[in-house]
Amino acid sequence: MIYVDNFFPILSIAPPYKVKWQITNTGNEAIEAGCPRGDKFESGELVRAGIACGKEESTAYTGKHYVQCFIIKNGNQCVGVSKPFIVNIK
């Protein structure tokens, strides 16, 4: 089974800003397949209010997945970080 979901940050930071995402798969299936991720930051790809801030994710691996976003301003200044959002795939 493939699980697909969209994630958007809820924030009160004035634009312009960029949203970076970190997605980590910790299940045994993902680790055994060499796809645990979490080692890089990914750009937002879904647009809301003219800003590419959302993230569409899909997985075919069971286990605990963490989704976290980072709000970046002024080139590389992190001005906001979400708590990790946990998605359990069974």
PDB file of N, CA and C in Angstrom:
ATOM      1  N   MET A   1       0.847  -1.173   0.000  1.00  0.00           N
ATOM      2  CA  MET A   1       0.000   0.000   0.000  1.00  0.00           C
ATOM      3  C   MET A   1       0.894   1.237   0.000  1.00  0.00           C
ATOM      4  N   ILE A   2       0.505   2.228  -0.761  1.00  0.00           N
ATOM      5  CA  ILE A   2       1.232   3.496  -0.792  1.00  0.00           C
ATOM      6  C   ILE A   2       0.389   4.543  -0.081  1.00  0.00           C
ATOM      7  N   TYR A   3       1.010   5.256   0.822  1.00  0.00           N
ATOM      8  CA  TYR A   3       0.357   6.304   1.594  1.00  0.00           C
ATOM      9  C   TYR A   3       0.806   7.645   1.039  1.00  0.00           C
ATOM     10  N   VAL A   4      -0.149   8.552   0.760  1.00  0.00           N
ATOM     11  CA  VAL A   4       0.175   9.884   0.241  1.00  0.00           C
ATOM     12  C   VAL A   4      -0.527  10.922   1.110  1.00  0.00           C
ATOM     13  N   ASP A   5       0.174  11.997   1.448  1.00  0.00           N
ATOM     14  CA  ASP A   5      -0.427  13.083   2.212  1.00  0.00           C
ATOM     15  C   ASP A   5       0.266  14.392   1.842  1.00  0.00           C
ATOM     16  N   ASN A   6      -0.421  15.487   2.105  1.00  0.00           N
ATOM     17  CA  ASN A   6       0.128  16.824   1.877  1.00  0.00           C
ATOM     18  C   ASN A   6       0.303  17.508   3.221  1.00  0.00           C
ATOM     19  N   PHE A   7       1.388  18.253   3.361  1.00  0.00           N
ATOM     20  CA  PHE A   7       1.690  18.966   4.591  1.00  0.00           C
ATOM     21  C   PHE A   7       1.917  20.435   4.270  1.00  0.00           C
ATOM     22  N   PHE A   8       1.320  21.326   5.081  1.00  0.00           N
ATOM     23  CA  PHE A   8       1.519  22.761   4.952  1.00  0.00           C
ATOM     24  C   PHE A   8       1.794  23.339   6.335  1.00  0.00           C
ATOM     25  N   PRO A   9       2.731  24.276   6.450  1.00  0.00           N
ATOM     26  CA  PRO A   9       2.970  24.905   7.746  1.00  0.00           C
ATOM     27  C   PRO A   9       1.865  25.912   8.060  1.00  0.00           C
ATOM     28  N   ILE A  10       1.583  26.073   9.339  1.00  0.00           N
ATOM     29  CA  ILE A  10       0.687  27.127   9.822  1.00  0.00           C
ATOM     30  C   ILE A  10       1.579  28.077  10.601  1.00  0.00           C
ATOM     31  N   LEU A  11       1.700  29.311  10.117  1.00  0.00           N
ATOM     32  CA  LEU A  11       2.645  30.230  10.733  1.00  0.00           C
ATOM     33  C   LEU A  11       2.178  31.662  10.628  1.00  0.00           C
ATOM     34  N   SER A  12       2.802  32.518  11.417  1.00  0.00           N
ATOM     35  CA  SER A  12       2.473  33.946  11.409  1.00  0.00           C
ATOM     36  C   SER A  12       3.690  34.781  11.024  1.00  0.00           C
ATOM     37  N   ILE A  13       4.600  34.204  10.282  1.00  0.00           N
ATOM     38  CA  ILE A  13       5.807  34.905   9.825  1.00  0.00           C
ATOM     39  C   ILE A  13       5.488  35.563   8.486  1.00  0.00           C
ATOM     40  N   ALA A  14       5.822  36.851   8.382  1.00  0.00           N
ATOM     41  CA  ALA A  14       5.530  37.587   7.147  1.00  0.00           C
ATOM     42  C   ALA A  14       6.467  37.166   6.023  1.00  0.00           C
ATOM     43  N   PRO A  15       5.923  37.017   4.799  1.00  0.00           N
ATOM     44  CA  PRO A  15       6.785  36.724   3.652  1.00  0.00           C
ATOM     45  C   PRO A  15       7.700  37.914   3.376  1.00  0.00           C
ATOM     46  N   PRO A  16       8.753  37.718   2.644  1.00  0.00           N
ATOM     47  CA  PRO A  16       9.133  36.495   1.942  1.00  0.00           C
ATOM     48  C   PRO A  16       9.860  35.525   2.864  1.00  0.00           C
ATOM     49  N   TYR A  17       9.669  34.252   2.610  1.00  0.00           N
ATOM     50  CA  TYR A  17      10.366  33.192   3.309  1.00  0.00           C
ATOM     51  C   TYR A  17      10.344  31.950   2.427  1.00  0.00           C
ATOM     52  N   LYS A  18      11.197  31.008   2.766  1.00  0.00           N
ATOM     53  CA  LYS A  18      11.194  29.704   2.104  1.00  0.00           C
ATOM     54  C   LYS A  18      10.906  28.664   3.166  1.00  0.00           C
ATOM     55  N   VAL A  19      10.351  27.555   2.736  1.00  0.00           N
ATOM     56  CA  VAL A  19      10.076  26.455   3.652  1.00  0.00           C
ATOM     57  C   VAL A  19      10.905  25.258   3.211  1.00  0.00           C
ATOM     58  N   LYS A  20      11.670  24.716   4.135  1.00  0.00           N
ATOM     59  CA  LYS A  20      12.447  23.502   3.897  1.00  0.00           C
ATOM     60  C   LYS A  20      11.855  22.396   4.761  1.00  0.00           C
ATOM     61  N   TRP A  21      11.870  21.194   4.219  1.00  0.00           N
ATOM     62  CA  TRP A  21      11.287  20.039   4.894  1.00  0.00           C
ATOM     63  C   TRP A  21      12.339  18.977   5.144  1.00  0.00           C
ATOM     64  N   GLN A  22      12.199  18.287   6.272  1.00  0.00           N
ATOM     65  CA  GLN A  22      13.032  17.132   6.567  1.00  0.00           C
ATOM     66  C   GLN A  22      12.080  15.966   6.836  1.00  0.00           C
ATOM     67  N   ILE A  23      12.210  14.935   6.046  1.00  0.00           N
ATOM     68  CA  ILE A  23      11.365  13.748   6.146  1.00  0.00           C
ATOM     69  C   ILE A  23      12.271  12.583   6.534  1.00  0.00           C
ATOM     70  N   THR A  24      11.914  11.861   7.602  1.00  0.00           N
ATOM     71  CA  THR A  24      12.721  10.738   8.060  1.00  0.00           C
ATOM     72  C   THR A  24      11.851   9.500   8.172  1.00  0.00           C
ATOM     73  N   ASN A  25      12.278   8.418   7.557  1.00  0.00           N
ATOM     74  CA  ASN A  25      11.598   7.128   7.652  1.00  0.00           C
ATOM     75  C   ASN A  25      12.430   6.245   8.570  1.00  0.00           C
ATOM     76  N   THR A  26      11.827   5.739   9.643  1.00  0.00           N
ATOM     77  CA  THR A  26      12.597   4.952  10.609  1.00  0.00           C
ATOM     78  C   THR A  26      12.183   3.482  10.651  1.00  0.00           C
ATOM     79  N   GLY A  27      11.241   3.094   9.808  1.00  0.00           N
ATOM     80  CA  GLY A  27      10.806   1.702   9.819  1.00  0.00           C
ATOM     81  C   GLY A  27      11.855   0.760   9.244  1.00  0.00           C
ATOM     82  N   ASN A  28      11.795  -0.497   9.652  1.00  0.00           N
ATOM     83  CA  ASN A  28      12.761  -1.495   9.177  1.00  0.00           C
ATOM     84  C   ASN A  28      12.720  -1.656   7.661  1.00  0.00           C
ATOM     85  N   GLU A  29      11.527  -1.583   7.063  1.00  0.00           N
ATOM     86  CA  GLU A  29      11.435  -1.736   5.602  1.00  0.00           C
ATOM     87  C   GLU A  29      12.229  -0.640   4.897  1.00  0.00           C
ATOM     88  N   ALA A  30      12.080   0.596   5.342  1.00  0.00           N
ATOM     89  CA  ALA A  30      12.803   1.713   4.727  1.00  0.00           C
ATOM     90  C   ALA A  30      14.309   1.573   4.927  1.00  0.00           C
ATOM     91  N   ILE A  31      14.704   1.164   6.115  1.00  0.00           N
ATOM     92  CA  ILE A  31      16.134   1.007   6.402  1.00  0.00           C
ATOM     93  C   ILE A  31      16.727  -0.121   5.562  1.00  0.00           C
ATOM     94  N   GLU A  32      16.029  -1.256   5.490  1.00  0.00           N
ATOM     95  CA  GLU A  32      16.521  -2.386   4.698  1.00  0.00           C
ATOM     96  C   GLU A  32      16.576  -2.061   3.203  1.00  0.00           C
ATOM     97  N   ALA A  33      15.687  -1.187   2.739  1.00  0.00           N
ATOM     98  CA  ALA A  33      15.682  -0.789   1.331  1.00  0.00           C
ATOM     99  C   ALA A  33      16.678   0.342   1.050  1.00  0.00           C
ATOM    100  N   GLY A  34      17.349   0.838   2.100  1.00  0.00           N
ATOM    101  CA  GLY A  34      18.311   1.924   1.925  1.00  0.00           C
ATOM    102  C   GLY A  34      17.655   3.273   1.706  1.00  0.00           C
ATOM    103  N   CYS A  35      16.445   3.461   2.223  1.00  0.00           N
ATOM    104  CA  CYS A  35      15.693   4.708   2.018  1.00  0.00           C
ATOM    105  C   CYS A  35      15.228   5.336   3.330  1.00  0.00           C
ATOM    106  N   PRO A  36      16.077   5.459   4.323  1.00  0.00           N
ATOM    107  CA  PRO A  36      15.599   6.048   5.574  1.00  0.00           C
ATOM    108  C   PRO A  36      15.382   7.563   5.476  1.00  0.00           C
ATOM    109  N   ARG A  37      16.070   8.220   4.590  1.00  0.00           N
ATOM    110  CA  ARG A  37      16.007   9.669   4.391  1.00  0.00           C
ATOM    111  C   ARG A  37      16.358  10.414   5.669  1.00  0.00           C
ATOM    112  N   GLY A  38      16.002  11.686   5.718  1.00  0.00           N
ATOM    113  CA  GLY A  38      16.305  12.502   6.885  1.00  0.00           C
ATOM    114  C   GLY A  38      17.672  13.138   6.854  1.00  0.00           C
ATOM    115  N   ASP A  39      18.467  12.849   5.823  1.00  0.00           N
ATOM    116  CA  ASP A  39      19.830  13.368   5.761  1.00  0.00           C
ATOM    117  C   ASP A  39      19.948  14.658   4.959  1.00  0.00           C
ATOM    118  N   LYS A  40      18.817  15.172   4.448  1.00  0.00           N
ATOM    119  CA  LYS A  40      18.875  16.428   3.694  1.00  0.00           C
ATOM    120  C   LYS A  40      17.557  17.172   3.865  1.00  0.00           C
ATOM    121  N   PHE A  41      17.587  18.436   3.502  1.00  0.00           N
ATOM    122  CA  PHE A  41      16.405  19.280   3.558  1.00  0.00           C
ATOM    123  C   PHE A  41      15.841  19.417   2.155  1.00  0.00           C
ATOM    124  N   GLU A  42      14.525  19.331   2.040  1.00  0.00           N
ATOM    125  CA  GLU A  42      13.864  19.390   0.744  1.00  0.00           C
ATOM    126  C   GLU A  42      13.010  20.645   0.667  1.00  0.00           C
ATOM    127  N   SER A  43      12.908  21.237  -0.515  1.00  0.00           N
ATOM    128  CA  SER A  43      12.125  22.449  -0.707  1.00  0.00           C
ATOM    129  C   SER A  43      10.640  22.146  -0.738  1.00  0.00           C
ATOM    130  N   GLY A  44       9.852  23.154  -0.383  1.00  0.00           N
ATOM    131  CA  GLY A  44       8.412  23.055  -0.539  1.00  0.00           C
ATOM    132  C   GLY A  44       8.088  22.978  -2.023  1.00  0.00           C
ATOM    133  N   GLU A  45       7.018  22.284  -2.362  1.00  0.00           N
ATOM    134  CA  GLU A  45       6.671  22.094  -3.770  1.00  0.00           C
ATOM    135  C   GLU A  45       5.210  22.404  -4.073  1.00  0.00           C
ATOM    136  N   LEU A  46       4.382  22.465  -3.037  1.00  0.00           N
ATOM    137  CA  LEU A  46       2.981  22.802  -3.216  1.00  0.00           C
ATOM    138  C   LEU A  46       2.786  24.269  -2.855  1.00  0.00           C
ATOM    139  N   VAL A  47       2.070  25.006  -3.688  1.00  0.00           N
ATOM    140  CA  VAL A  47       1.964  26.457  -3.527  1.00  0.00           C
ATOM    141  C   VAL A  47       0.698  26.820  -2.748  1.00  0.00           C
ATOM    142  N   ARG A  48       0.875  27.726  -1.796  1.00  0.00           N
ATOM    143  CA  ARG A  48      -0.240  28.319  -1.062  1.00  0.00           C
ATOM    144  C   ARG A  48       0.062  29.804  -0.922  1.00  0.00           C
ATOM    145  N   ALA A  49      -0.895  30.643  -1.287  1.00  0.00           N
ATOM    146  CA  ALA A  49      -0.739  32.106  -1.217  1.00  0.00           C
ATOM    147  C   ALA A  49       0.503  32.572  -1.960  1.00  0.00           C
ATOM    148  N   GLY A  50       0.813  31.929  -3.082  1.00  0.00           N
ATOM    149  CA  GLY A  50       1.931  32.326  -3.919  1.00  0.00           C
ATOM    150  C   GLY A  50       3.302  31.874  -3.436  1.00  0.00           C
ATOM    151  N   ILE A  51       3.344  31.084  -2.378  1.00  0.00           N
ATOM    152  CA  ILE A  51       4.619  30.623  -1.823  1.00  0.00           C
ATOM    153  C   ILE A  51       4.667  29.098  -1.906  1.00  0.00           C
ATOM    154  N   ALA A  52       5.770  28.575  -2.447  1.00  0.00           N
ATOM    155  CA  ALA A  52       5.959  27.117  -2.502  1.00  0.00           C
ATOM    156  C   ALA A  52       6.348  26.644  -1.110  1.00  0.00           C
ATOM    157  N   CYS A  53       5.339  26.305  -0.313  1.00  0.00           N
ATOM    158  CA  CYS A  53       5.612  25.979   1.087  1.00  0.00           C
ATOM    159  C   CYS A  53       5.165  24.581   1.482  1.00  0.00           C
ATOM    160  N   GLY A  54       4.288  23.969   0.721  1.00  0.00           N
ATOM    161  CA  GLY A  54       3.750  22.664   1.092  1.00  0.00           C
ATOM    162  C   GLY A  54       4.605  21.517   0.582  1.00  0.00           C
ATOM    163  N   LYS A  55       4.358  20.362   1.139  1.00  0.00           N
ATOM    164  CA  LYS A  55       5.121  19.170   0.775  1.00  0.00           C
ATOM    165  C   LYS A  55       4.165  18.014   0.570  1.00  0.00           C
ATOM    166  N   GLU A  56       4.282  17.334  -0.585  1.00  0.00           N
ATOM    167  CA  GLU A  56       3.526  16.118  -0.818  1.00  0.00           C
ATOM    168  C   GLU A  56       4.462  14.948  -0.597  1.00  0.00           C
ATOM    169  N   GLU A  57       4.021  13.999   0.205  1.00  0.00           N
ATOM    170  CA  GLU A  57       4.848  12.850   0.536  1.00  0.00           C
ATOM    171  C   GLU A  57       4.086  11.570   0.287  1.00  0.00           C
ATOM    172  N   SER A  58       4.818  10.579  -0.154  1.00  0.00           N
ATOM    173  CA  SER A  58       4.248   9.246  -0.292  1.00  0.00           C
ATOM    174  C   SER A  58       5.279   8.247   0.208  1.00  0.00           C
ATOM    175  N   THR A  59       4.782   7.112   0.665  1.00  0.00           N
ATOM    176  CA  THR A  59       5.690   6.068   1.117  1.00  0.00           C
ATOM    177  C   THR A  59       5.060   4.707   0.899  1.00  0.00           C
ATOM    178  N   ALA A  60       5.884   3.746   0.663  1.00  0.00           N
ATOM    179  CA  ALA A  60       5.439   2.363   0.532  1.00  0.00           C
ATOM    180  C   ALA A  60       5.990   1.545   1.693  1.00  0.00           C
ATOM    181  N   TYR A  61       6.608   2.225   2.667  1.00  0.00           N
ATOM    182  CA  TYR A  61       7.264   1.536   3.778  1.00  0.00           C
ATOM    183  C   TYR A  61       6.453   1.706   5.054  1.00  0.00           C
ATOM    184  N   THR A  62       6.328   0.636   5.821  1.00  0.00           N
ATOM    185  CA  THR A  62       5.686   0.735   7.120  1.00  0.00           C
ATOM    186  C   THR A  62       6.676   1.324   8.112  1.00  0.00           C
ATOM    187  N   GLY A  63       6.152   1.714   9.270  1.00  0.00           N
ATOM    188  CA  GLY A  63       7.004   2.236  10.332  1.00  0.00           C
ATOM    189  C   GLY A  63       6.672   3.662  10.680  1.00  0.00           C
ATOM    190  N   LYS A  64       7.477   4.216  11.567  1.00  0.00           N
ATOM    191  CA  LYS A  64       7.289   5.575  12.047  1.00  0.00           C
ATOM    192  C   LYS A  64       8.043   6.544  11.132  1.00  0.00           C
ATOM    193  N   HIS A  65       7.335   7.567  10.654  1.00  0.00           N
ATOM    194  CA  HIS A  65       7.904   8.583   9.779  1.00  0.00           C
ATOM    195  C   HIS A  65       7.768   9.937  10.478  1.00  0.00           C
ATOM    196  N   TYR A  66       8.812  10.734  10.386  1.00  0.00           N
ATOM    197  CA  TYR A  66       8.803  12.063  10.981  1.00  0.00           C
ATOM    198  C   TYR A  66       8.825  13.105   9.872  1.00  0.00           C
ATOM    199  N   VAL A  67       7.971  14.128  10.013  1.00  0.00           N
ATOM    200  CA  VAL A  67       7.907  15.241   9.067  1.00  0.00           C
ATOM    201  C   VAL A  67       8.134  16.513   9.879  1.00  0.00           C
ATOM    202  N   GLN A  68       9.083  17.341   9.441  1.00  0.00           N
ATOM    203  CA  GLN A  68       9.382  18.577  10.156  1.00  0.00           C
ATOM    204  C   GLN A  68       9.679  19.668   9.143  1.00  0.00           C
ATOM    205  N   CYS A  69       9.207  20.907   9.428  1.00  0.00           N
ATOM    206  CA  CYS A  69       9.497  22.000   8.501  1.00  0.00           C
ATOM    207  C   CYS A  69      10.293  23.104   9.186  1.00  0.00           C
ATOM    208  N   PHE A  70      11.029  23.836   8.356  1.00  0.00           N
ATOM    209  CA  PHE A  70      11.904  24.908   8.793  1.00  0.00           C
ATOM    210  C   PHE A  70      11.592  26.136   7.939  1.00  0.00           C
ATOM    211  N   ILE A  71      11.413  27.293   8.575  1.00  0.00           N
ATOM    212  CA  ILE A  71      11.124  28.536   7.867  1.00  0.00           C
ATOM    213  C   ILE A  71      12.427  29.316   7.759  1.00  0.00           C
ATOM    214  N   ILE A  72      12.795  29.638   6.510  1.00  0.00           N
ATOM    215  CA  ILE A  72      14.076  30.283   6.209  1.00  0.00           C
ATOM    216  C   ILE A  72      13.832  31.673   5.631  1.00  0.00           C
ATOM    217  N   LYS A  73      14.515  32.676   6.183  1.00  0.00           N
ATOM    218  CA  LYS A  73      14.463  34.048   5.666  1.00  0.00           C
ATOM    219  C   LYS A  73      15.881  34.562   5.444  1.00  0.00           C
ATOM    220  N   ASN A  74      15.985  35.602   4.653  1.00  0.00           N
ATOM    221  CA  ASN A  74      17.262  36.284   4.435  1.00  0.00           C
ATOM    222  C   ASN A  74      18.358  35.333   3.964  1.00  0.00           C
ATOM    223  N   GLY A  75      18.026  34.468   3.031  1.00  0.00           N
ATOM    224  CA  GLY A  75      19.024  33.565   2.467  1.00  0.00           C
ATOM    225  C   GLY A  75      19.135  32.252   3.203  1.00  0.00           C
ATOM    226  N   ASN A  76      19.639  32.282   4.448  1.00  0.00           N
ATOM    227  CA  ASN A  76      19.835  31.027   5.167  1.00  0.00           C
ATOM    228  C   ASN A  76      19.578  31.135   6.669  1.00  0.00           C
ATOM    229  N   GLN A  77      18.791  32.125   7.080  1.00  0.00           N
ATOM    230  CA  GLN A  77      18.498  32.311   8.500  1.00  0.00           C
ATOM    231  C   GLN A  77      17.226  31.542   8.870  1.00  0.00           C
ATOM    232  N   CYS A  78      17.353  30.566   9.740  1.00  0.00           N
ATOM    233  CA  CYS A  78      16.203  29.787  10.194  1.00  0.00           C
ATOM    234  C   CYS A  78      15.466  30.599  11.262  1.00  0.00           C
ATOM    235  N   VAL A  79      14.199  30.956  10.980  1.00  0.00           N
ATOM    236  CA  VAL A  79      13.423  31.777  11.909  1.00  0.00           C
ATOM    237  C   VAL A  79      12.259  31.009  12.525  1.00  0.00           C
ATOM    238  N   GLY A  80      12.077  29.771  12.135  1.00  0.00           N
ATOM    239  CA  GLY A  80      11.009  28.960  12.707  1.00  0.00           C
ATOM    240  C   GLY A  80      11.215  27.483  12.418  1.00  0.00           C
ATOM    241  N   VAL A  81      10.874  26.648  13.402  1.00  0.00           N
ATOM    242  CA  VAL A  81      11.003  25.197  13.261  1.00  0.00           C
ATOM    243  C   VAL A  81       9.750  24.566  13.848  1.00  0.00           C
ATOM    244  N   SER A  82       9.167  23.632  13.124  1.00  0.00           N
ATOM    245  CA  SER A  82       8.000  22.932  13.655  1.00  0.00           C
ATOM    246  C   SER A  82       8.436  21.803  14.579  1.00  0.00           C
ATOM    247  N   LYS A  83       7.514  21.370  15.405  1.00  0.00           N
ATOM    248  CA  LYS A  83       7.732  20.134  16.138  1.00  0.00           C
ATOM    249  C   LYS A  83       7.611  19.005  15.129  1.00  0.00           C
ATOM    250  N   PRO A  84       8.309  17.909  15.328  1.00  0.00           N
ATOM    251  CA  PRO A  84       8.161  16.798  14.385  1.00  0.00           C
ATOM    252  C   PRO A  84       6.731  16.264  14.402  1.00  0.00           C
ATOM    253  N   PHE A  85       6.195  16.068  13.214  1.00  0.00           N
ATOM    254  CA  PHE A  85       4.876  15.476  13.037  1.00  0.00           C
ATOM    255  C   PHE A  85       5.106  14.002  12.747  1.00  0.00           C
ATOM    256  N   ILE A  86       4.495  13.144  13.528  1.00  0.00           N
ATOM    257  CA  ILE A  86       4.739  11.716  13.398  1.00  0.00           C
ATOM    258  C   ILE A  86       3.608  11.068  12.610  1.00  0.00           C
ATOM    259  N   VAL A  87       3.987  10.296  11.589  1.00  0.00           N
ATOM    260  CA  VAL A  87       3.030   9.534  10.781  1.00  0.00           C
ATOM    261  C   VAL A  87       3.404   8.072  10.920  1.00  0.00           C
ATOM    262  N   ASN A  88       2.512   7.277  11.474  1.00  0.00           N
ATOM    263  CA  ASN A  88       2.738   5.839  11.620  1.00  0.00           C
ATOM    264  C   ASN A  88       2.071   5.107  10.477  1.00  0.00           C
ATOM    265  N   ILE A  89       2.840   4.381   9.694  1.00  0.00           N
ATOM    266  CA  ILE A  89       2.325   3.612   8.575  1.00  0.00           C
ATOM    267  C   ILE A  89       2.344   2.141   8.983  1.00  0.00           C
ATOM    268  N   LYS A  90       1.185   1.505   8.913  1.00  0.00           N
ATOM    269  CA  LYS A  90       1.089   0.079   9.302  1.00  0.00           C
ATOM    270  C   LYS A  90       0.870  -0.779   8.090  1.00  0.00           C
TER     271      LYS A  90
END
